[in-house]
Protein backbone atom coordinates (compact mmCIF):
# COMPACT_ATOMS: atom_id res chain seq x y z
CA MET A 1 -191.68 126.89 -90.72
CA LEU A 2 -190.88 124.57 -93.66
CA LEU A 3 -193.94 122.58 -94.72
CA PRO A 4 -193.93 119.15 -96.40
CA ASN A 5 -194.55 119.24 -100.15
CA LYS A 6 -198.26 118.44 -99.74
CA GLY A 7 -200.65 120.30 -102.02
CA VAL A 8 -198.00 121.13 -104.68
CA ASN A 9 -198.48 119.20 -107.94
CA LEU A 10 -196.62 119.39 -111.29
CA LEU A 11 -199.18 119.87 -114.09
CA PHE A 12 -197.08 119.96 -117.28
CA LYS A 13 -193.94 121.47 -118.77
CA HIS A 14 -193.33 123.85 -121.67
CA SER A 15 -190.19 123.67 -123.77
CA SER A 16 -189.20 127.15 -122.56
CA SER A 17 -189.87 129.74 -119.85
CA ILE A 18 -193.59 130.41 -119.22
CA LEU A 19 -194.50 134.09 -119.47
CA ASN A 20 -198.11 134.05 -118.32
CA ILE A 21 -201.44 132.23 -118.04
CA PHE A 22 -204.74 133.55 -119.39
CA HIS A 23 -208.41 132.71 -118.86
CA LEU A 24 -209.83 132.49 -122.36
CA ASP A 25 -213.53 131.75 -122.02
CA PHE A 26 -215.66 133.47 -119.41
CA ASN A 27 -218.47 130.95 -119.99
CA SER A 28 -216.16 128.12 -118.93
CA PRO A 29 -214.32 128.88 -115.68
CA ASN A 30 -211.77 126.09 -116.26
CA HIS A 31 -210.53 127.02 -119.75
CA TYR A 32 -206.99 128.48 -119.84
CA LEU A 33 -204.02 129.11 -122.03
CA SER A 34 -200.31 129.38 -121.16
CA LEU A 35 -197.63 131.02 -123.32
CA SER A 36 -193.86 130.55 -123.20
CA ASP A 37 -191.15 132.90 -124.49
CA ASN A 38 -190.45 130.73 -127.59
CA SER A 39 -194.11 131.28 -128.71
CA GLU A 40 -195.25 127.82 -127.59
CA VAL A 41 -198.91 127.79 -126.53
CA VAL A 42 -200.68 125.18 -124.40
CA GLU A 43 -204.48 125.36 -124.28
CA PHE A 44 -205.87 123.32 -121.42
CA LEU A 45 -208.78 122.69 -119.07
CA LEU A 46 -208.09 122.66 -115.34
CA VAL A 47 -209.81 119.84 -113.43
CA PRO A 48 -209.69 121.16 -109.84
CA GLU A 49 -211.14 118.15 -108.03
CA GLU A 50 -208.49 115.90 -109.57
CA GLU A 51 -205.73 118.55 -109.38
CA LYS A 52 -204.69 117.97 -112.97
CA ILE A 53 -205.14 119.51 -116.42
CA LYS A 54 -206.69 118.22 -119.62
CA GLU A 55 -204.56 119.38 -122.53
CA ILE A 56 -206.55 120.47 -125.59
CA GLU A 57 -203.79 121.57 -127.95
CA LYS A 58 -200.11 122.53 -128.01
CA PHE A 59 -198.76 124.67 -130.87
CA HIS A 60 -196.51 127.62 -131.75
CA ILE A 61 -197.85 131.03 -132.72
CA LYS A 62 -196.47 131.61 -136.21
CA ARG A 63 -194.61 134.88 -136.56
CA PRO A 64 -195.04 136.68 -139.94
CA ASP A 65 -192.26 136.28 -142.47
CA ASN A 66 -189.86 139.06 -143.43
CA GLU A 67 -191.74 140.11 -146.59
CA LEU A 68 -194.98 140.75 -144.71
CA LEU A 69 -193.11 142.75 -142.06
CA LYS A 70 -191.38 144.84 -144.75
CA ASN A 71 -194.72 145.57 -146.44
CA ASN A 72 -196.07 146.82 -143.10
CA GLY A 73 -193.15 149.22 -142.70
CA HIS A 74 -191.28 147.36 -139.97
CA LYS A 75 -187.53 147.88 -140.18
CA ILE A 76 -185.79 144.50 -140.50
CA VAL A 77 -182.66 144.58 -138.37
CA HIS A 78 -181.70 141.07 -137.29
CA LEU A 79 -184.60 138.85 -138.32
CA LYS A 80 -183.74 135.34 -139.48
CA HIS A 81 -186.29 133.34 -141.43
CA GLY A 82 -187.52 130.16 -139.76
CA GLN A 83 -186.28 131.00 -136.26
CA TYR A 84 -188.45 131.73 -133.24
CA HIS A 85 -187.79 135.10 -131.66
CA LYS A 86 -187.94 135.37 -127.92
CA ILE A 87 -191.19 136.83 -126.59
CA THR A 88 -190.48 139.27 -123.76
CA GLN A 89 -193.95 140.62 -122.94
CA VAL A 90 -197.53 139.48 -123.47
CA LEU A 91 -200.87 141.12 -122.65
CA GLN A 92 -204.37 139.65 -123.06
CA PHE A 93 -207.64 141.57 -122.93
CA GLU A 94 -211.10 141.01 -124.40
CA ASN A 95 -210.45 138.67 -127.38
CA PHE A 96 -207.00 140.05 -128.22
CA MET A 97 -203.45 139.05 -127.34
CA VAL A 98 -200.58 141.53 -127.67
CA ILE A 99 -197.10 140.03 -127.99
CA GLY A 100 -193.83 141.94 -127.73
CA TYR A 101 -190.54 140.50 -128.97
CA ASP A 102 -186.86 140.93 -128.18
CA ASP A 103 -186.28 142.89 -131.43
CA GLY A 104 -188.98 145.50 -130.65
CA LEU A 105 -191.73 144.06 -132.84
CA ILE A 106 -195.32 144.17 -131.50
CA LEU A 107 -197.90 141.77 -132.91
CA VAL A 108 -201.60 141.82 -132.05
CA TYR A 109 -203.55 138.59 -132.49
CA GLN A 110 -207.31 138.16 -132.44
CA ILE A 111 -208.47 135.02 -130.62
CA ILE A 112 -211.13 133.21 -132.66
CA LYS A 113 -213.17 130.21 -131.48
CA LYS A 114 -213.13 127.09 -133.67
CA GLN A 115 -214.93 123.77 -133.35
CA LEU A 116 -213.01 120.79 -131.99
CA GLU A 117 -212.36 117.70 -134.11
CA ASN A 118 -214.73 114.73 -133.85
CA ASP A 119 -212.12 112.46 -132.21
CA PHE A 120 -211.89 114.74 -129.21
CA GLU A 121 -215.68 115.01 -128.96
CA LYS A 122 -216.04 111.20 -129.04
CA GLU A 123 -213.44 110.86 -126.33
CA ASP A 124 -215.51 113.22 -124.15
CA GLU A 125 -218.73 111.30 -124.85
CA GLU A 126 -217.12 108.00 -123.85
CA ASN A 127 -216.11 109.41 -120.49
CA GLU A 128 -219.47 109.89 -118.72
CA ASN A 129 -217.87 111.10 -115.51
CA ASN A 130 -216.09 113.95 -117.26
CA ASN A 131 -217.80 117.23 -116.38
CA HIS A 132 -215.16 119.35 -118.13
CA LYS A 133 -216.20 119.25 -121.78
CA LEU A 134 -215.34 121.83 -124.43
CA ASP A 135 -216.60 121.70 -128.03
CA TYR A 136 -214.21 124.34 -129.43
CA PHE A 137 -210.67 125.64 -129.19
CA ASN A 138 -209.12 129.07 -129.83
CA SER A 139 -207.03 129.98 -132.86
CA PHE A 140 -204.90 133.09 -133.33
CA SER A 141 -205.39 135.37 -136.33
CA LEU A 142 -202.91 138.21 -136.96
CA TYR A 143 -204.82 141.48 -136.40
CA TYR A 144 -202.18 144.24 -136.31
CA ILE A 145 -198.45 144.57 -136.90
CA LEU A 146 -197.59 147.61 -134.81
CA LEU A 147 -194.57 149.75 -135.57
CA GLY A 148 -192.76 148.76 -132.42
CA HIS A 149 -189.47 149.79 -130.88
CA LEU A 150 -185.87 149.30 -131.88
CA GLU A 151 -185.07 147.04 -128.96
CA GLU A 152 -186.68 144.60 -126.50
CA ILE A 153 -190.26 145.25 -125.34
CA VAL A 154 -190.42 145.39 -121.53
CA SER A 155 -193.99 146.49 -120.66
CA PHE A 156 -197.55 146.86 -122.00
CA CYS A 157 -200.60 148.69 -120.68
CA TYR A 158 -204.09 148.84 -122.23
CA ILE A 159 -206.52 151.62 -121.22
CA PRO A 160 -210.05 150.54 -122.22
CA GLU A 161 -211.62 153.98 -121.55
CA LEU A 162 -209.47 155.54 -124.26
CA LYS A 163 -208.93 152.44 -126.43
CA ILE A 164 -205.18 152.98 -126.39
CA LEU A 165 -202.26 150.59 -126.02
CA ILE A 166 -199.04 151.80 -124.39
CA SER A 167 -195.72 150.03 -124.80
CA SER A 168 -192.20 150.61 -123.48
CA SER A 169 -188.80 149.28 -124.47
CA ILE A 170 -185.21 149.14 -123.23
CA ASP A 171 -184.48 151.82 -125.87
CA ASN A 172 -185.94 154.29 -123.29
CA SER A 173 -189.02 154.99 -125.42
CA LEU A 174 -192.75 154.98 -124.67
CA LYS A 175 -195.29 154.63 -127.48
CA ILE A 176 -199.07 155.11 -127.50
CA PHE A 177 -201.18 153.37 -130.17
CA ASP A 178 -204.81 153.95 -131.10
CA PHE A 179 -206.07 150.40 -130.77
CA THR A 180 -209.11 150.92 -133.01
CA THR A 181 -206.87 151.80 -136.00
CA GLY A 182 -203.48 150.39 -134.98
CA GLN A 183 -201.83 153.76 -135.65
CA LEU A 184 -199.00 155.20 -133.57
CA THR A 185 -200.34 158.44 -132.04
CA HIS A 186 -197.66 159.52 -129.55
CA PHE A 187 -193.98 158.86 -129.02
CA PHE A 188 -191.94 159.80 -125.95
CA LYS A 189 -188.24 159.39 -125.27
CA PHE A 190 -186.90 159.39 -121.70
CA ASP A 191 -183.47 159.17 -120.12
CA PHE A 192 -184.40 155.99 -118.25
CA ILE A 193 -185.77 152.52 -119.03
CA ILE A 194 -189.44 152.01 -118.19
CA ASN A 195 -189.62 148.51 -116.71
CA LYS A 196 -193.32 148.58 -115.84
CA ILE A 197 -196.35 150.78 -116.64
CA LEU A 198 -199.16 151.12 -114.11
CA TYR A 199 -202.23 153.11 -115.17
CA GLN A 200 -203.36 155.17 -112.21
CA ASN A 201 -206.63 156.89 -113.11
CA ALA A 202 -209.33 157.00 -115.79
CA ALA A 203 -209.43 159.94 -118.16
CA LYS A 204 -212.32 162.39 -117.95
CA LYS A 205 -214.43 163.14 -121.01
CA GLY A 206 -213.25 166.28 -122.77
CA ASP A 207 -210.07 166.40 -120.70
CA PRO A 208 -208.05 163.31 -121.58
CA LYS A 209 -205.18 163.28 -119.13
CA ILE A 210 -203.54 160.02 -118.21
CA VAL A 211 -201.34 159.40 -115.21
CA LEU A 212 -198.82 156.63 -115.64
CA THR A 213 -196.69 155.27 -112.86
CA LEU A 214 -193.52 154.00 -114.43
CA LEU A 215 -190.98 151.81 -112.70
CA SER A 216 -187.37 152.42 -113.70
CA GLN A 217 -184.49 152.30 -111.19
CA SER A 218 -186.93 154.13 -108.92
CA PRO A 219 -190.65 154.92 -109.42
CA VAL A 220 -191.46 157.82 -111.74
CA LYS A 221 -194.88 159.43 -112.12
CA VAL A 222 -195.68 160.81 -115.60
CA LEU A 223 -198.69 163.03 -116.32
CA ILE A 224 -199.50 163.11 -120.05
CA ASN A 225 -202.05 165.63 -121.34
CA LEU A 226 -203.49 164.17 -124.54
CA SER A 227 -205.77 167.17 -125.16
CA ALA A 228 -202.88 169.66 -125.51
CA ASN A 229 -201.40 170.46 -128.91
CA PRO A 230 -198.59 169.58 -128.97
CA ILE A 231 -198.88 166.85 -126.33
CA THR A 232 -197.38 167.90 -123.01
CA TYR A 233 -196.10 165.77 -120.17
CA ASN A 234 -194.21 166.17 -116.94
CA THR A 235 -192.33 163.66 -114.84
CA HIS A 236 -191.65 163.37 -111.14
CA HIS A 237 -188.92 161.07 -109.84
CA PHE A 238 -189.15 159.38 -106.45
CA GLU A 239 -185.45 158.75 -105.93
CA HIS A 240 -185.80 158.12 -102.19
CA ILE A 241 -187.78 154.92 -102.86
CA ASP A 242 -185.63 151.91 -103.64
CA VAL A 243 -187.82 149.18 -105.20
CA CYS A 244 -187.24 146.58 -107.92
CA GLN A 245 -190.92 145.52 -108.17
CA LEU A 246 -193.96 147.77 -107.93
CA GLU A 247 -197.53 146.47 -107.68
CA LYS A 248 -200.90 148.22 -107.37
CA ILE A 249 -203.22 146.20 -105.11
CA ASN A 250 -206.56 147.66 -103.91
CA ASP A 251 -205.50 151.26 -104.64
CA LYS A 252 -202.31 150.82 -102.67
CA PHE A 253 -198.82 150.65 -104.11
CA TYR A 254 -196.47 147.98 -102.80
CA GLY A 255 -192.76 148.14 -103.52
CA LEU A 256 -190.29 145.28 -103.19
CA ASN A 257 -186.54 145.38 -102.93
CA SER A 258 -184.25 142.49 -102.07
CA LYS A 259 -184.94 142.70 -98.32
CA LYS A 260 -188.20 144.57 -97.70
CA ILE A 261 -191.78 145.09 -98.86
CA LYS A 262 -192.90 148.70 -98.44
CA ILE A 263 -196.39 150.14 -98.69
CA LEU A 264 -196.82 153.53 -100.39
CA ASP A 265 -199.73 155.88 -100.93
CA LYS A 266 -200.82 157.38 -104.25
CA ASN A 267 -198.18 160.10 -103.98
CA PHE A 268 -195.51 157.52 -103.17
CA GLU A 269 -195.09 158.73 -99.64
CA GLN A 270 -193.80 155.79 -97.63
CA GLU A 271 -196.38 154.70 -95.08
CA GLY A 272 -194.20 152.04 -93.55
CA THR A 273 -192.31 148.82 -93.99
CA LEU A 274 -194.71 145.92 -94.32
CA ILE A 275 -192.29 143.00 -94.16
CA ASN A 276 -188.59 142.99 -93.35
CA LEU A 277 -186.76 139.66 -93.35
CA ASN A 278 -183.08 140.57 -93.36
CA ASN A 279 -181.76 137.04 -93.85
CA ILE A 280 -183.80 136.42 -97.05
CA ASP A 281 -183.28 137.72 -100.60
CA PHE A 282 -186.69 138.42 -102.19
CA GLN A 283 -187.30 137.82 -105.90
CA TYR A 284 -191.05 138.31 -106.40
CA PHE A 285 -194.23 138.93 -104.42
CA THR A 286 -197.99 139.18 -104.82
CA LYS A 287 -201.07 139.20 -102.60
CA TYR A 288 -203.67 136.42 -102.44
CA LYS A 289 -206.65 136.59 -100.07
CA ASN A 290 -205.09 137.53 -96.70
CA ASP A 291 -201.62 136.26 -97.53
CA PHE A 292 -198.57 137.74 -99.18
CA LEU A 293 -196.81 135.17 -101.38
CA ILE A 294 -193.08 135.91 -101.42
CA VAL A 295 -190.60 134.01 -103.59
CA ASP A 296 -186.99 134.03 -102.39
CA ASN A 297 -183.74 133.33 -104.23
CA GLU A 298 -183.98 129.59 -103.42
CA ASN A 299 -187.40 129.33 -105.13
CA MET A 300 -189.06 128.89 -101.75
CA VAL A 301 -192.59 130.29 -101.51
CA ARG A 302 -193.34 132.01 -98.21
CA MET A 303 -196.90 132.77 -97.14
CA VAL A 304 -196.96 135.69 -94.73
CA THR A 305 -200.07 137.01 -93.01
CA PHE A 306 -199.65 140.23 -91.11
CA LYS A 307 -201.57 142.60 -88.89
CA ILE A 308 -201.18 146.35 -89.23
CA LYS A 309 -200.86 148.31 -86.03
CA GLU A 310 -201.29 152.03 -86.60
CA LYS A 311 -199.30 154.36 -84.40
CA ASN A 312 -201.75 156.15 -82.12
CA LYS A 313 -201.14 159.86 -81.61
CA ALA A 314 -204.16 160.51 -79.39
CA LYS A 315 -202.06 161.03 -76.25
CA GLU A 316 -199.70 163.44 -78.02
CA ASP A 317 -202.65 165.39 -79.47
CA SER A 318 -204.30 165.74 -76.03
CA LYS A 319 -201.04 167.10 -74.60
CA ASN A 320 -200.79 169.64 -77.44
CA ASP A 321 -204.41 170.76 -76.80
CA LYS A 322 -203.65 171.38 -73.09
CA ASN A 323 -200.56 173.40 -74.00
CA LYS A 324 -202.60 175.50 -76.45
CA LYS A 325 -205.17 176.31 -73.73
CA LYS A 326 -202.39 177.41 -71.37
CA ASN A 327 -200.66 179.53 -74.05
CA PRO A 328 -203.42 180.82 -76.35
CA LYS A 329 -201.23 183.54 -77.90
CA LYS A 330 -198.80 181.08 -79.44
CA GLU A 331 -200.38 179.92 -82.67
CA GLU A 332 -198.44 177.24 -84.50
CA PRO A 333 -199.43 175.77 -87.87
CA PRO A 334 -201.10 172.37 -87.49
CA GLU A 335 -198.77 169.49 -88.17
CA GLU A 336 -199.71 167.01 -90.85
CA GLU A 337 -200.53 163.61 -89.48
CA GLU A 338 -197.86 161.06 -90.31
CA LYS A 339 -199.09 158.03 -92.21
CA THR A 340 -197.03 155.39 -90.51
CA PHE A 341 -197.79 151.96 -89.19
CA GLU A 342 -196.11 148.93 -87.72
CA SER A 343 -196.67 145.56 -89.34
CA ILE A 344 -196.81 142.52 -87.08
CA ILE A 345 -196.29 139.18 -88.79
CA HIS A 346 -199.18 136.99 -87.73
CA THR A 347 -198.19 133.74 -89.47
CA GLN A 348 -195.29 132.75 -91.65
CA PHE A 349 -194.55 129.44 -93.32
CA LYS A 350 -192.79 128.27 -96.47
CA PHE A 351 -192.80 125.42 -98.98
CA LYS A 352 -190.79 124.45 -102.06
CA VAL A 353 -192.16 124.79 -105.59
CA GLY A 354 -190.07 123.45 -108.47
CA GLU A 355 -186.36 123.72 -109.15
CA ASP A 356 -186.17 126.94 -111.19
CA ASN A 357 -187.21 130.54 -110.53
CA ILE A 358 -190.94 131.27 -110.43
CA ASN A 359 -192.04 133.87 -113.00
CA GLY A 360 -195.43 134.49 -111.40
CA PHE A 361 -198.73 133.17 -110.08
CA TYR A 362 -202.25 132.82 -111.42
CA PHE A 363 -205.15 132.45 -108.96
CA ILE A 364 -208.17 130.21 -109.56
CA ASN A 365 -210.50 130.01 -106.56
CA ASN A 366 -208.56 127.93 -104.00
CA PHE A 367 -205.85 126.99 -106.48
CA ILE A 368 -202.66 128.87 -107.27
CA LEU A 369 -200.90 128.12 -110.57
CA ALA A 370 -197.17 128.83 -110.33
CA PHE A 371 -195.27 129.08 -113.62
CA CYS A 372 -191.48 128.83 -113.75
CA ARG A 373 -188.55 129.77 -115.97
CA ASP A 374 -187.79 126.15 -116.83
CA GLY A 375 -191.26 125.88 -118.44
CA SER A 376 -192.90 123.88 -115.67
CA MET A 377 -196.31 124.72 -114.21
CA TYR A 378 -197.42 123.70 -110.72
CA SER A 379 -200.78 123.77 -108.98
CA ILE A 380 -200.78 124.79 -105.32
CA ASN A 381 -203.82 123.72 -103.32
CA TYR A 382 -204.37 126.64 -100.98
CA ASP A 383 -206.55 124.64 -98.57
CA LYS A 384 -204.09 121.74 -98.36
CA ILE A 385 -201.18 124.10 -97.73
CA HIS A 386 -203.03 125.73 -94.84
CA GLU A 387 -204.12 122.33 -93.56
CA SER A 388 -200.53 121.08 -93.52
CA TYR A 389 -199.51 124.30 -91.76
CA GLU A 390 -202.14 123.72 -89.05
CA ASN A 391 -201.02 120.07 -88.72
CA GLU A 392 -197.41 121.16 -88.32
CA LEU A 393 -198.50 123.68 -85.68
CA MET A 394 -200.33 120.93 -83.81
CA LYS A 395 -197.21 118.74 -83.97
CA ILE A 396 -195.10 121.57 -82.61
CA GLU A 397 -197.63 122.24 -79.84
CA ASP A 398 -197.68 118.52 -79.00
CA GLU A 399 -193.88 118.44 -78.91
CA ILE A 400 -193.80 121.51 -76.65
CA SER A 401 -196.44 120.03 -74.32
CA MET A 402 -194.52 116.70 -74.23
CA LYS A 403 -191.30 118.53 -73.36
CA MET A 404 -193.12 120.48 -70.66
CA MET A 405 -194.54 117.23 -69.25
CA GLU A 406 -191.10 115.60 -69.34
CA SER A 407 -189.51 118.60 -67.62
CA MET A 408 -192.25 118.54 -64.95
CA VAL A 409 -191.69 114.81 -64.37
CA ASN A 410 -187.93 115.32 -64.25
CA ASN A 411 -188.36 118.20 -61.80
CA LYS A 412 -190.54 116.00 -59.57
CA LYS A 413 -187.99 113.20 -59.76
CA SER A 414 -185.11 115.55 -58.99
CA LYS A 415 -187.02 117.07 -56.04
CA LYS A 416 -187.89 113.60 -54.77
CA GLY A 417 -184.25 112.54 -55.18
CA LYS A 418 -183.04 115.58 -53.22
CA LYS A 419 -185.58 114.86 -50.49
CA ASP A 420 -184.51 111.19 -50.32
CA LYS A 421 -180.88 112.29 -50.03
CA LYS A 422 -181.78 114.68 -47.21
CA ASP A 423 -183.76 111.97 -45.37
CA LYS A 424 -180.90 109.51 -45.87
CA GLY A 425 -178.41 112.06 -44.58
CA LYS A 426 -180.54 112.72 -41.48
CA LYS A 427 -180.82 108.99 -40.75
CA GLU A 428 -177.06 108.53 -41.09
CA LYS A 429 -176.46 111.45 -38.69
CA LYS A 430 -178.83 109.93 -36.14
CA LYS A 431 -177.02 106.57 -36.37
CA LYS A 432 -173.65 108.26 -35.80
CA LYS A 433 -174.94 110.10 -32.71
CA LYS A 434 -176.23 106.83 -31.23
């Protein structure tokens, strides 16, 4: 069901593709920052009741010059002074922002609060109805220059329990940095590109083992033992699983390929196909509340709510128990219960957001911020979208009931017409006999 474009609102536009949105101040729930791949930053306040943003500042994060990079031991390969390098990955945690570039460089910035200028404060004081005031903004101070990779950075992962930062690149390497010192502690080289790193479990004290789930052409699980000397690791490939996007949501792994969303357990055993829409090419998905948000190749956002129906084996088990009682001598090993289910799509509707591909979503209460490759950012009012869906359903139900009423009236008319014809025919026959 295609919904009207109600509840979708363009907020602003970057000069380049937006990579991500971050919540900067936990004391102010409406204070955010967006970052594009040409290092352009927009710091803004979201005003939910008006469905708009209040822009605080727009600037570029200055990348260090070549001399500073040389002094920090970074190999200069194709750096050009005065040009912005494309940012490929960004990660924000605590008061730090980690930025990875297309030439393998990793820069860590510390976010520092600074007071706003008087002009902005006066403007806030003049507007008495404005409840979204902020007396400071955030500046970025270079904290670490990490000895990155030789080629484009594709994924970051920060593990707070161990204070380590993990990065991967298209040069097939994985690096682990001690975040307290900025030193490279471990380096691994694989025969595949690690497109995404998902940290699976916390390390135990005295036995620091980390389990990373890496997404390459197929998921790979890597167990790294940091307590061994030298460091040991083993990998396990899951070649039977064909996914191009892997997400961990509520301790479940969800895999997406161009036609299906699959749900997997911790050992990547397939539990079933969640959604299968053969006539659609999927690009991206995520979960919000009870809905899956799926972006297709036409930049259409589909909201799908589903019910899971588990396959019941109770009848089969009771039959097996009866057979065992009849033949007690035959002892067979117990079969492992299959973890399979059937997903039943409960509701499905779609709406258009922007003209270019959506990079991702950021959720704020009942608002969804969608950021796109053309630099535009849209707000999606979750309540209004559902309201328009319910209105469309009511229209459809009204149309169906009207058609049913019309068909009933037509049936009555046709029956009456047939009866009139019969009566007329009988009268004509009687006249002829006379």
